[in-house]
N, C-alpha and C. Protein backbone atom coordinates (compact mmCIF):
# COMPACT_ATOMS: atom_id res chain seq x y z
N MET A 1 7.06 49.98 0.51
CA MET A 1 6.88 51.49 1.72
C MET A 1 6.40 52.22 0.89
N LYS A 2 5.04 52.94 0.80
CA LYS A 2 4.71 53.71 0.22
C LYS A 2 4.42 55.08 0.56
N PHE A 3 4.88 56.09 -0.50
CA PHE A 3 4.74 57.57 0.11
C PHE A 3 4.70 58.68 -0.94
N SER A 4 4.46 59.69 -0.88
CA SER A 4 3.73 60.75 -1.87
C SER A 4 5.01 62.11 -2.43
N SER A 5 5.23 62.29 -3.05
CA SER A 5 6.10 62.85 -3.09
C SER A 5 6.02 64.14 -4.33
N THR A 6 6.36 65.34 -4.54
CA THR A 6 6.02 66.56 -5.36
C THR A 6 7.40 66.42 -6.14
N VAL A 7 6.93 66.07 -7.92
CA VAL A 7 7.88 65.87 -8.62
C VAL A 7 8.04 66.93 -9.68
N LYS A 8 9.14 67.06 -10.35
CA LYS A 8 8.99 67.86 -11.95
C LYS A 8 8.78 66.69 -12.61
N VAL A 9 7.85 66.59 -13.43
CA VAL A 9 8.05 65.80 -14.52
C VAL A 9 8.69 66.15 -15.59
N MET A 10 9.50 65.63 -16.43
CA MET A 10 10.42 66.01 -17.54
C MET A 10 10.32 65.83 -18.83
N GLY A 11 9.56 64.28 -18.66
CA GLY A 11 9.32 63.62 -20.19
C GLY A 11 8.58 62.40 -19.37
N MET A 12 8.02 61.67 -20.96
CA MET A 12 7.36 60.23 -20.23
C MET A 12 7.18 59.89 -21.84
N LYS A 13 7.32 58.34 -21.52
CA LYS A 13 7.34 57.77 -23.13
C LYS A 13 7.24 56.14 -22.63
N TYR A 14 6.47 55.58 -23.87
CA TYR A 14 5.59 53.84 -23.45
C TYR A 14 6.21 53.32 -24.33
N SER A 15 6.19 51.91 -24.34
CA SER A 15 6.92 50.78 -24.94
C SER A 15 5.73 50.05 -24.94
N LYS A 16 5.10 49.10 -26.34
CA LYS A 16 4.17 48.34 -25.88
C LYS A 16 4.39 47.30 -27.17
N GLY A 17 5.13 45.84 -27.93
CA GLY A 17 4.75 45.19 -28.41
C GLY A 17 5.45 44.40 -28.30
N LYS A 18 5.66 43.02 -29.36
CA LYS A 18 6.61 41.86 -28.99
C LYS A 18 7.63 42.16 -29.94
N MET A 19 8.92 41.40 -29.00
CA MET A 19 9.80 41.28 -29.23
C MET A 19 10.18 39.52 -30.32
N ASP A 20 10.99 39.58 -31.51
CA ASP A 20 11.67 38.67 -31.92
C ASP A 20 10.76 37.27 -31.67
N ASN A 21 11.21 37.52 -30.30
CA ASN A 21 11.18 35.84 -29.69
C ASN A 21 10.25 35.56 -29.09
N GLY A 22 8.98 36.42 -29.27
CA GLY A 22 7.67 36.21 -28.87
C GLY A 22 7.31 37.18 -27.47
N THR A 23 8.56 37.30 -26.80
CA THR A 23 8.27 38.30 -25.52
C THR A 23 7.42 39.62 -25.72
N GLU A 24 6.36 39.71 -24.86
CA GLU A 24 5.59 40.55 -25.05
C GLU A 24 6.29 41.36 -24.14
N PHE A 25 5.60 43.00 -24.44
CA PHE A 25 6.43 43.93 -23.47
C PHE A 25 5.50 45.31 -23.55
N ASP A 26 5.43 45.84 -22.30
CA ASP A 26 4.24 46.93 -22.14
C ASP A 26 4.44 47.63 -20.69
N SER A 27 5.01 49.18 -21.20
CA SER A 27 4.96 49.88 -20.07
C SER A 27 5.61 50.95 -20.16
N THR A 28 5.01 52.17 -19.36
CA THR A 28 5.69 53.76 -19.41
C THR A 28 6.22 54.10 -18.57
N LYS A 29 7.45 54.73 -19.17
CA LYS A 29 8.26 55.60 -17.83
C LYS A 29 8.02 56.80 -17.76
N VAL A 30 8.32 56.82 -16.68
CA VAL A 30 8.34 58.99 -16.30
C VAL A 30 9.87 59.27 -16.43
N TYR A 31 9.92 60.17 -16.55
CA TYR A 31 11.42 61.27 -16.09
C TYR A 31 11.56 62.11 -15.22
N VAL A 32 11.89 62.33 -14.30
CA VAL A 32 11.85 63.20 -13.21
C VAL A 32 12.52 63.94 -12.91
N GLU A 33 13.16 64.81 -12.56
CA GLU A 33 13.66 65.60 -12.29
C GLU A 33 14.53 65.49 -10.78
N THR A 34 15.70 64.56 -10.66
CA THR A 34 15.97 63.89 -9.45
C THR A 34 17.31 64.82 -8.78
N GLU A 35 17.61 65.04 -7.67
CA GLU A 35 18.97 65.88 -7.11
C GLU A 35 19.94 64.35 -7.18
N LEU A 36 20.83 65.24 -7.67
CA LEU A 36 22.04 64.34 -7.92
C LEU A 36 22.79 63.76 -6.22
N ASP A 37 23.70 62.93 -6.07
CA ASP A 37 24.01 62.54 -4.70
C ASP A 37 25.42 63.77 -4.66
N THR A 38 25.18 64.50 -3.90
CA THR A 38 26.20 65.20 -3.55
C THR A 38 27.36 65.36 -2.14
N SER A 39 26.86 63.77 -1.55
CA SER A 39 27.86 63.61 -0.34
C SER A 39 29.34 63.24 -0.32
N LYS A 40 29.73 63.07 -1.40
CA LYS A 40 31.03 63.07 -1.40
C LYS A 40 31.55 64.15 -2.51
N GLU A 41 30.89 64.74 -2.57
CA GLU A 41 31.15 66.63 -3.11
C GLU A 41 31.91 65.88 -4.58
N THR A 42 31.22 64.87 -5.23
CA THR A 42 31.99 64.95 -6.95
C THR A 42 30.44 65.17 -7.53
N ALA A 43 29.28 65.87 -7.29
CA ALA A 43 28.39 65.85 -7.91
C ALA A 43 27.58 67.10 -7.60
N MET A 44 26.82 67.80 -8.24
CA MET A 44 26.34 68.92 -8.04
C MET A 44 24.71 68.76 -9.12
N GLY A 45 24.12 69.55 -8.65
CA GLY A 45 22.83 70.04 -9.48
C GLY A 45 21.59 68.73 -9.48
N THR A 46 20.59 68.68 -10.95
CA THR A 46 19.96 67.69 -10.95
C THR A 46 20.21 66.78 -12.13
N ALA A 47 19.50 65.56 -11.95
CA ALA A 47 19.55 64.65 -13.40
C ALA A 47 18.06 64.37 -14.10
N CYS A 48 17.88 63.70 -14.83
CA CYS A 48 16.63 62.83 -14.96
C CYS A 48 16.68 61.44 -14.66
N ALA A 49 16.04 61.07 -13.24
CA ALA A 49 15.73 59.37 -13.52
C ALA A 49 14.97 58.80 -13.77
N GLU A 50 14.74 57.26 -14.63
CA GLU A 50 13.59 57.07 -14.46
C GLU A 50 12.73 56.44 -14.06
N TYR A 51 11.92 55.78 -13.98
CA TYR A 51 10.63 55.53 -13.41
C TYR A 51 9.42 54.60 -13.74
N GLY A 52 9.15 53.75 -13.66
CA GLY A 52 8.50 52.75 -13.87
C GLY A 52 6.87 53.39 -13.21
N LEU A 53 5.82 53.59 -14.76
CA LEU A 53 4.29 53.78 -14.34
C LEU A 53 3.51 52.75 -15.19
N GLY A 54 3.87 51.46 -14.69
CA GLY A 54 2.27 51.05 -14.98
C GLY A 54 2.70 50.50 -16.48
N LYS A 55 1.23 50.28 -17.26
CA LYS A 55 1.77 49.91 -18.54
C LYS A 55 1.81 50.95 -19.39
N ALA A 56 1.35 50.81 -21.02
CA ALA A 56 1.39 51.87 -21.56
C ALA A 56 -0.03 52.26 -22.26
N ASP A 57 -0.90 51.93 -21.47
CA ASP A 57 -2.17 52.82 -21.43
C ASP A 57 -2.10 53.70 -20.58
N GLU A 58 -1.20 53.60 -19.39
CA GLU A 58 -0.77 55.07 -18.48
C GLU A 58 -0.77 56.32 -19.16
N TYR A 59 0.08 56.33 -20.19
CA TYR A 59 1.13 57.44 -20.64
C TYR A 59 -0.22 58.31 -21.63
N GLN A 60 -1.21 57.53 -21.67
CA GLN A 60 -2.85 58.46 -23.02
C GLN A 60 -3.15 59.49 -21.78
N LYS A 61 -3.35 58.87 -20.58
CA LYS A 61 -3.65 59.66 -19.33
C LYS A 61 -2.80 61.03 -19.14
N TYR A 62 -2.04 60.77 -19.77
CA TYR A 62 -1.27 62.58 -19.51
C TYR A 62 -0.77 63.30 -20.65
N LYS A 63 -1.23 62.46 -21.87
CA LYS A 63 -0.48 63.05 -23.42
C LYS A 63 -1.18 64.30 -23.25
N HIS A 64 -2.15 64.76 -23.07
CA HIS A 64 -2.35 66.00 -23.09
C HIS A 64 -1.67 66.80 -22.78
N LEU A 65 -0.74 66.74 -21.91
CA LEU A 65 0.24 67.31 -21.18
C LEU A 65 1.50 68.17 -21.69
N ALA A 66 1.78 67.17 -22.85
CA ALA A 66 3.26 67.42 -23.68
C ALA A 66 3.18 68.67 -23.59
N SER A 67 2.42 69.80 -24.28
CA SER A 67 2.54 71.41 -24.24
C SER A 67 3.21 72.00 -23.01
N SER A 68 2.86 71.13 -21.92
CA SER A 68 3.15 71.87 -20.74
C SER A 68 4.83 71.39 -19.73
N LEU A 69 5.10 70.36 -20.50
CA LEU A 69 6.40 69.73 -20.21
C LEU A 69 7.51 70.86 -20.01
N PRO A 70 8.26 70.71 -18.93
CA PRO A 70 7.74 69.98 -17.83
C PRO A 70 7.21 70.61 -17.04
N PHE A 71 6.41 69.62 -16.11
CA PHE A 71 5.40 70.21 -15.10
C PHE A 71 5.66 69.20 -13.54
N MET A 72 4.56 70.32 -12.93
CA MET A 72 4.86 69.63 -11.29
C MET A 72 3.71 68.54 -11.10
N ALA A 73 3.55 67.88 -10.46
CA ALA A 73 2.86 66.85 -10.12
C ALA A 73 3.33 65.98 -8.61
N ILE A 74 2.09 65.53 -8.02
CA ILE A 74 2.13 65.27 -6.69
C ILE A 74 2.20 63.60 -7.34
N ALA A 75 3.09 62.56 -6.98
CA ALA A 75 3.48 61.48 -7.69
C ALA A 75 3.03 60.46 -5.66
N GLU A 76 2.51 59.23 -6.61
CA GLU A 76 2.27 58.15 -5.22
C GLU A 76 3.52 57.74 -5.96
N MET A 77 4.12 57.33 -4.42
CA MET A 77 5.45 56.10 -5.12
C MET A 77 5.64 54.85 -4.04
N GLU A 78 6.16 53.77 -4.14
CA GLU A 78 6.82 52.88 -3.89
C GLU A 78 8.09 52.58 -3.80
N ILE A 79 8.75 51.64 -2.68
CA ILE A 79 9.67 51.55 -2.99
C ILE A 79 9.49 50.35 -2.75
N VAL A 80 9.66 49.14 -3.72
CA VAL A 80 9.36 47.25 -3.68
C VAL A 80 11.12 46.71 -4.13
N THR A 81 11.03 45.81 -3.56
CA THR A 81 12.23 44.53 -3.54
C THR A 81 12.43 43.35 -4.02
N ASN A 82 13.13 42.98 -4.43
CA ASN A 82 13.13 41.25 -4.65
C ASN A 82 13.98 40.85 -3.47
N GLY A 83 14.52 41.55 -2.20
CA GLY A 83 15.26 40.71 -1.18
C GLY A 83 16.61 41.23 -1.53
N LYS A 84 16.80 41.08 -2.62
CA LYS A 84 18.61 42.12 -3.21
C LYS A 84 18.57 43.21 -3.13
N THR A 85 18.44 43.94 -4.25
CA THR A 85 17.71 45.24 -4.82
C THR A 85 16.91 45.97 -4.80
N GLN A 86 16.28 47.05 -4.60
CA GLN A 86 15.28 47.77 -4.59
C GLN A 86 14.90 48.66 -5.58
N LYS A 87 14.17 49.36 -6.17
CA LYS A 87 13.98 49.95 -6.79
C LYS A 87 12.46 51.08 -6.38
N THR A 88 12.05 52.37 -6.89
CA THR A 88 11.12 53.10 -6.52
C THR A 88 10.50 53.05 -7.47
N VAL A 89 9.10 52.55 -7.54
CA VAL A 89 7.72 52.63 -8.71
C VAL A 89 6.84 53.97 -8.66
N ILE A 90 6.40 54.58 -9.49
CA ILE A 90 5.22 55.20 -9.37
C ILE A 90 4.24 54.72 -9.57
N HIS A 91 3.13 54.86 -8.91
CA HIS A 91 1.60 54.53 -8.82
C HIS A 91 0.35 55.02 -9.83
N SER A 92 1.10 56.66 -9.32
CA SER A 92 0.36 57.48 -9.74
C SER A 92 0.27 58.79 -10.35
N LEU A 93 0.47 60.11 -10.84
CA LEU A 93 0.64 61.47 -10.91
C LEU A 93 -0.07 61.75 -10.66
N LYS A 94 -0.77 63.15 -10.39
CA LYS A 94 -1.56 63.78 -10.49
C LYS A 94 -1.10 65.20 -10.17
N PRO A 95 -1.08 65.83 -11.46
CA PRO A 95 -0.74 67.08 -12.09
C PRO A 95 -0.97 68.30 -11.03
N LEU A 96 -0.26 68.70 -10.71
CA LEU A 96 -0.67 69.92 -10.10
C LEU A 96 -1.26 71.25 -10.95
N GLU A 97 -2.71 72.20 -10.38
CA GLU A 97 -3.46 73.28 -11.12
C GLU A 97 -2.61 73.90 -12.87
N GLY A 98 -1.18 74.17 -11.74
CA GLY A 98 -0.85 75.09 -12.97
C GLY A 98 -0.36 74.16 -14.58
N ALA A 99 -0.48 72.81 -13.97
CA ALA A 99 0.02 72.30 -15.44
C ALA A 99 -1.40 71.96 -16.18
N LYS A 100 -2.51 71.63 -15.70
CA LYS A 100 -3.92 71.38 -16.14
C LYS A 100 -4.03 72.90 -16.73
N GLN A 101 -3.58 73.75 -16.30
CA GLN A 101 -4.30 75.30 -16.94
C GLN A 101 -3.11 75.62 -17.65
N ALA A 102 -1.92 75.28 -17.78
CA ALA A 102 -1.07 75.15 -19.20
C ALA A 102 -1.46 74.88 -20.66
N ALA A 103 -2.17 73.50 -20.38
CA ALA A 103 -2.49 72.69 -21.03
C ALA A 103 -3.55 72.79 -22.01
N VAL A 104 -4.43 73.43 -21.14
CA VAL A 104 -5.69 74.16 -21.98
C VAL A 104 -5.65 75.51 -22.46
N GLY A 105 -4.90 76.32 -21.74
CA GLY A 105 -4.65 77.72 -22.85
C GLY A 105 -3.33 77.40 -23.57
N GLY A 106 -2.75 76.05 -23.48
CA GLY A 106 -1.54 75.83 -24.87
C GLY A 106 -0.03 76.92 -24.29
N LYS A 107 0.14 76.68 -23.29
CA LYS A 107 1.38 77.70 -22.69
C LYS A 107 2.28 77.09 -22.17
N ASN A 108 3.55 77.03 -21.69
CA ASN A 108 4.17 75.97 -21.75
C ASN A 108 4.43 76.40 -19.93
N ALA A 109 3.99 75.68 -19.35
CA ALA A 109 4.33 75.64 -17.62
C ALA A 109 5.90 75.97 -17.58
N SER A 110 5.86 76.76 -16.50
CA SER A 110 7.55 76.57 -16.03
C SER A 110 7.53 76.44 -14.58
N ALA A 111 8.07 75.68 -14.01
CA ALA A 111 8.45 75.10 -12.82
C ALA A 111 9.61 75.25 -12.39
């Protein structure tokens, strides 16, 4: 199931390399402000949730926005499953104009 959502990106990181056993890893993670589940009245507010965003080279596309963190973006997302569990992945991020201008101007964007 694919959908678009406006998100507040709090941070990003990438990992790329090879483990001692020879297994290679290559990924970018995006940390998005996400509402906590208030249905049981045991939580309130927000936390950061981690979402996958492809391989490590995806990080480079957004590196120029480091001084704009956090920034608002339109995320193209998809819920996928292996038949037993499901997860949400981000396919692309499109920073909103305020984030682009803040990155150029060197100001910290507030959202």
